[in-house]
Amino acid sequence: MDTPPRRKSGLNLPAGMNETSLRLETSAASASSPSSSFRSISISSPRMISSLTSPSSSSKSSICSDRFIPCRSSSRLHLFGLMDKESPAKEGGNEAYSRILKSELFGPDFGSFSPAGQGSPTTPNRNLLRFKTENSAPSSPYSPSLLGQDIGFASEASTPPKLPRKVPKTPHKVLDAPSLQDDFYLNLVDWSSQNVLAVGLGTCVYLWTASNSRVTKLCDLGPNDSACAVQWTREGSYISIGTNLGQVWDGTQCKRIRTMGGHQTRTGVLAWNSRILSSGSRDRNILQHDLRVSSDYVNKLIGDKSEVCGLKWSHDDRELASGGNDNQLLVWNQYSQQPVLKLTEHKAAVKAIAWSPHQSNLLASGGGTADRCIRFWNTTNGHQLNNIDTGSQVCNLSWSKNVNELVSTHGYSQNQVMVWKYPSMVKVATLTGHSFRVLYLAMSPDGQTIVTGAGDETLRFWNVFPSVKSQTPVKDTGLMSLGRTYIR
């Protein structure tokens, strides 16, 4: 029997090879175990050789290897692999972490590459390479941001804000002060640097020693006169008393040294600098007294149009601030007879005046019932720096020498004492207890305690300011320092 002729494959095979040697039996290849010599060979993309038959029979095509490389596509070698494929959940976590990291480093626009509709953490803009940023409200320091709110300062952002200082809400001592007048234009309480409190009660002036609570009667002015103002010298050894006739007394010996005239009516306010006593009166004049001169006064300052009720020297003795019932705040030079500044922004009498001990040329003033404002001034140029409405009559102001804070006393309607932080003017504390307007204020020598007086005839002592922090002096160890030890 004749053998049927074979179809030519169209391939030029080398001698000794025929078409059958190129065929692979799929079933035999899958049943046989893979050779150890091919375990490290990747089988990702073997060459595909189309069927040697007609192109129409595409369903009968087989996968063949070229150049004697066997095809392992059906051997399922991935079942024996030691590396597990990452789960979708783990891949999603890595993607989220990458998104957050890129957003922190390069901004949210760079990190927001997730498909729409998928929630992803958002973080504040880093503002890198931006020269103008929008004003945004400060965010919480407890933000879950990985790098914190400030670039490169994670520790600052993670630090909680400092808690406000706690101030006792009740006075630690209350003293009776019978006959303490309820008069807005008087100044009847002052605390000396020797820790002695002077109080004018009716026709008498009393001294209260804080160290032992001893009370001493300094003087009695008689039935036809009364104390209108008391003021200690800076050294605390002498005290001046404002009456119809000004008097100066030795506080340690309880002895009157001098009586000085010049005013026509009562003297309601006094102020000492290092050597000059200034007095303000209802006669609208300010007199300068020098104890070294025999005359009653050495200078007269005329500028107020009504009773003078506020008077304070600056700490460097260069400027004198005066306030009156004409709603004016005047600033005088130590050598001038005319005010160098006239500040007329207040709408009521200006009694409360205080110079800052922490910044030169910074003056605070408070207005009466129709004004209710505390204003801050730069006396160098006369500009108003700040203005805050307290809601009630401002009777007194005093600046703390320990911290950059000040205390104010008020009248109607709450009769409160308020502690403010400067320059933010944030309320540190509000103290209540007086039933009348708090007209009198003085501070202890250590700067921690204040005493307030009111028409309810009580003196209340409050601990409002912290103590001075002890500062260790820095030792000079330079090359030319005297404290440097040389060994020769």
Foldseek 3Di string as FASTA:
>chain_A
DDDDDDDDLPDDDDPPDDDVVQDDDPVVVQVDDDDPVCPPPDQPDFDADFDSDDPVPRVPTDGTHPPPDGHCPPNPCVVVDPDDDDDPVVVVVVLLVVLLVCCVVQNNVVSPPDDPPDDHDHDDGQCPPPPDDDDDDDDQLCDPRPCADHPPCNVVSVDHDDDFDDFDQAFPDKDFFAQQDFDLQAAAWEAALQQWIWGWHFQWIWIARPVVRDIDTLDGNDDVKGFRYKDAENNRQKMWTWIQWIWIAGPVVSGTDDIAHDDRHTFRDWEDANFWIWTWAQVQKIFICGPVDPHRGDAIAHDDPGGWRAWYAENVRQWIWTWAQVQWIFICGNPDNYTPDIDRPAPGTKRAKEYEPVDPQWIWIFGAAVGQKIWIARNVVGDIDDIDRPPFTWQYKYAFPQAGKIWTAGFPDQRWIWIAHPPVRDTSDIHGDDPGHFNYWYAYSQRQKMWTDHPVRMIGITGGDDGHDDDDDDDDADPPDPPHDDDD
